[in-house]
Amino acid sequence: MSVHSRPPTTSAPADDAPTFDARDLLSGADRARIVLEDQVYTLRITRAGKLILTK
């Protein structure tokens, strides 16, 4: 597993939506499951550093 440096923290967006660091959500892994009602989604970080959410 490769280690990525985190980008510098930026100011909060203009709206009041919660903001999360994807690496914190994934707890160091490259993927995590997210459950919404009875549906399970997978959030993953690609080697290129992109986020992909799939059902």
N, C-alpha and C. Protein backbone atom coordinates (compact mmCIF):
# COMPACT_ATOMS: atom_id res chain seq x y z
N MET A 1 0.84 -1.17 0.00
CA MET A 1 0.00 0.00 0.00
C MET A 1 0.89 1.23 0.00
N SER A 2 0.64 2.14 -0.90
CA SER A 2 1.45 3.34 -0.96
C SER A 2 0.90 4.40 -0.01
N VAL A 3 1.78 5.26 0.43
CA VAL A 3 1.40 6.32 1.34
C VAL A 3 1.31 7.62 0.56
N HIS A 4 0.21 8.31 0.70
CA HIS A 4 -0.01 9.58 0.02
C HIS A 4 0.11 10.71 1.03
N SER A 5 0.73 11.79 0.64
CA SER A 5 0.74 12.94 1.53
C SER A 5 -0.59 13.67 1.41
N ARG A 6 -1.04 14.25 2.49
CA ARG A 6 -2.31 14.97 2.49
C ARG A 6 -2.11 16.37 1.95
N PRO A 7 -3.07 16.83 1.17
CA PRO A 7 -2.99 18.21 0.70
C PRO A 7 -3.19 19.16 1.87
N PRO A 8 -2.73 20.39 1.74
CA PRO A 8 -2.92 21.33 2.84
C PRO A 8 -4.41 21.56 3.10
N THR A 9 -4.74 21.79 4.34
CA THR A 9 -6.14 22.05 4.71
C THR A 9 -6.57 23.38 4.12
N THR A 10 -7.75 23.38 3.53
CA THR A 10 -8.28 24.61 2.94
C THR A 10 -9.41 25.13 3.80
N SER A 11 -9.84 26.32 3.54
CA SER A 11 -10.95 26.89 4.31
C SER A 11 -12.23 26.14 3.99
N ALA A 12 -13.18 26.22 4.90
CA ALA A 12 -14.45 25.53 4.74
C ALA A 12 -15.22 26.10 3.55
N PRO A 13 -16.02 25.27 2.88
CA PRO A 13 -16.85 25.77 1.78
C PRO A 13 -17.84 26.81 2.29
N ALA A 14 -18.37 27.58 1.35
CA ALA A 14 -19.30 28.66 1.70
C ALA A 14 -20.59 28.14 2.34
N ASP A 15 -21.03 26.93 1.94
CA ASP A 15 -22.24 26.39 2.57
C ASP A 15 -21.90 25.73 3.90
N ASP A 16 -22.91 25.23 4.59
CA ASP A 16 -22.66 24.64 5.91
C ASP A 16 -22.65 23.11 5.88
N ALA A 17 -22.41 22.53 4.71
CA ALA A 17 -22.36 21.08 4.59
C ALA A 17 -21.13 20.54 5.35
N PRO A 18 -21.28 19.41 6.03
CA PRO A 18 -20.11 18.83 6.71
C PRO A 18 -19.03 18.48 5.70
N THR A 19 -17.78 18.62 6.11
CA THR A 19 -16.64 18.32 5.25
C THR A 19 -15.80 17.24 5.91
N PHE A 20 -15.44 16.20 5.16
CA PHE A 20 -14.67 15.09 5.68
C PHE A 20 -13.45 14.85 4.81
N ASP A 21 -12.36 14.44 5.41
CA ASP A 21 -11.19 14.01 4.67
C ASP A 21 -11.42 12.54 4.31
N ALA A 22 -11.37 12.21 3.03
CA ALA A 22 -11.66 10.84 2.59
C ALA A 22 -10.73 9.83 3.23
N ARG A 23 -9.47 10.18 3.41
CA ARG A 23 -8.52 9.24 4.03
C ARG A 23 -8.90 8.95 5.48
N ASP A 24 -9.46 9.95 6.17
CA ASP A 24 -9.93 9.71 7.54
C ASP A 24 -11.14 8.78 7.53
N LEU A 25 -12.05 8.97 6.57
CA LEU A 25 -13.23 8.11 6.48
C LEU A 25 -12.83 6.66 6.22
N LEU A 26 -11.80 6.46 5.42
CA LEU A 26 -11.37 5.11 5.07
C LEU A 26 -10.40 4.52 6.09
N SER A 27 -10.03 5.27 7.10
CA SER A 27 -9.15 4.80 8.19
C SER A 27 -7.88 4.14 7.67
N GLY A 28 -7.28 4.72 6.66
CA GLY A 28 -6.02 4.21 6.14
C GLY A 28 -6.16 3.12 5.08
N ALA A 29 -7.37 2.61 4.88
CA ALA A 29 -7.59 1.58 3.85
C ALA A 29 -7.82 2.27 2.51
N ASP A 30 -7.93 1.48 1.44
CA ASP A 30 -8.21 2.08 0.14
C ASP A 30 -9.68 2.00 -0.23
N ARG A 31 -10.50 1.38 0.64
CA ARG A 31 -11.94 1.30 0.37
C ARG A 31 -12.71 1.15 1.67
N ALA A 32 -13.99 1.56 1.60
CA ALA A 32 -14.88 1.44 2.76
C ALA A 32 -16.29 1.21 2.25
N ARG A 33 -17.09 0.55 3.06
CA ARG A 33 -18.51 0.36 2.73
C ARG A 33 -19.32 1.45 3.40
N ILE A 34 -20.30 1.97 2.68
CA ILE A 34 -21.21 2.97 3.21
C ILE A 34 -22.62 2.42 3.03
N VAL A 35 -23.40 2.43 4.10
CA VAL A 35 -24.75 1.89 4.06
C VAL A 35 -25.75 3.04 4.13
N LEU A 36 -26.71 3.00 3.22
CA LEU A 36 -27.82 3.97 3.21
C LEU A 36 -29.10 3.16 3.09
N GLU A 37 -29.88 3.19 4.18
CA GLU A 37 -31.07 2.36 4.28
C GLU A 37 -30.66 0.90 4.04
N ASP A 38 -31.17 0.24 3.00
CA ASP A 38 -30.80 -1.16 2.79
C ASP A 38 -29.81 -1.33 1.64
N GLN A 39 -29.20 -0.25 1.19
CA GLN A 39 -28.24 -0.30 0.08
C GLN A 39 -26.81 -0.16 0.61
N VAL A 40 -25.89 -0.96 0.05
CA VAL A 40 -24.49 -0.89 0.44
C VAL A 40 -23.69 -0.34 -0.74
N TYR A 41 -22.90 0.68 -0.48
CA TYR A 41 -22.05 1.31 -1.49
C TYR A 41 -20.60 1.12 -1.09
N THR A 42 -19.71 1.18 -2.07
CA THR A 42 -18.28 1.10 -1.80
C THR A 42 -17.63 2.41 -2.24
N LEU A 43 -16.91 3.01 -1.31
CA LEU A 43 -16.13 4.22 -1.60
C LEU A 43 -14.69 3.79 -1.65
N ARG A 44 -14.00 4.11 -2.76
CA ARG A 44 -12.60 3.74 -2.82
C ARG A 44 -11.76 4.87 -3.41
N ILE A 45 -10.50 4.85 -3.03
CA ILE A 45 -9.52 5.80 -3.56
C ILE A 45 -8.68 5.04 -4.58
N THR A 46 -8.61 5.55 -5.80
CA THR A 46 -7.83 4.90 -6.85
C THR A 46 -6.35 5.20 -6.67
N ARG A 47 -5.52 4.52 -7.43
CA ARG A 47 -4.07 4.79 -7.40
C ARG A 47 -3.76 6.22 -7.82
N ALA A 48 -4.63 6.78 -8.65
CA ALA A 48 -4.44 8.16 -9.13
C ALA A 48 -4.97 9.19 -8.13
N GLY A 49 -5.51 8.72 -6.98
CA GLY A 49 -6.00 9.64 -5.97
C GLY A 49 -7.41 10.15 -6.21
N LYS A 50 -8.16 9.46 -7.05
CA LYS A 50 -9.55 9.84 -7.31
C LYS A 50 -10.48 9.04 -6.42
N LEU A 51 -11.66 9.58 -6.15
CA LEU A 51 -12.67 8.87 -5.36
C LEU A 51 -13.70 8.27 -6.32
N ILE A 52 -14.07 7.02 -6.02
CA ILE A 52 -15.12 6.35 -6.79
C ILE A 52 -16.12 5.76 -5.80
N LEU A 53 -17.40 6.07 -6.02
CA LEU A 53 -18.48 5.50 -5.20
C LEU A 53 -19.30 4.61 -6.11
N THR A 54 -19.41 3.31 -5.73
CA THR A 54 -20.17 2.36 -6.53
C THR A 54 -21.19 1.66 -5.66
N LYS A 55 -22.23 1.17 -6.31
CA LYS A 55 -23.29 0.45 -5.62
C LYS A 55 -23.00 -1.03 -5.67
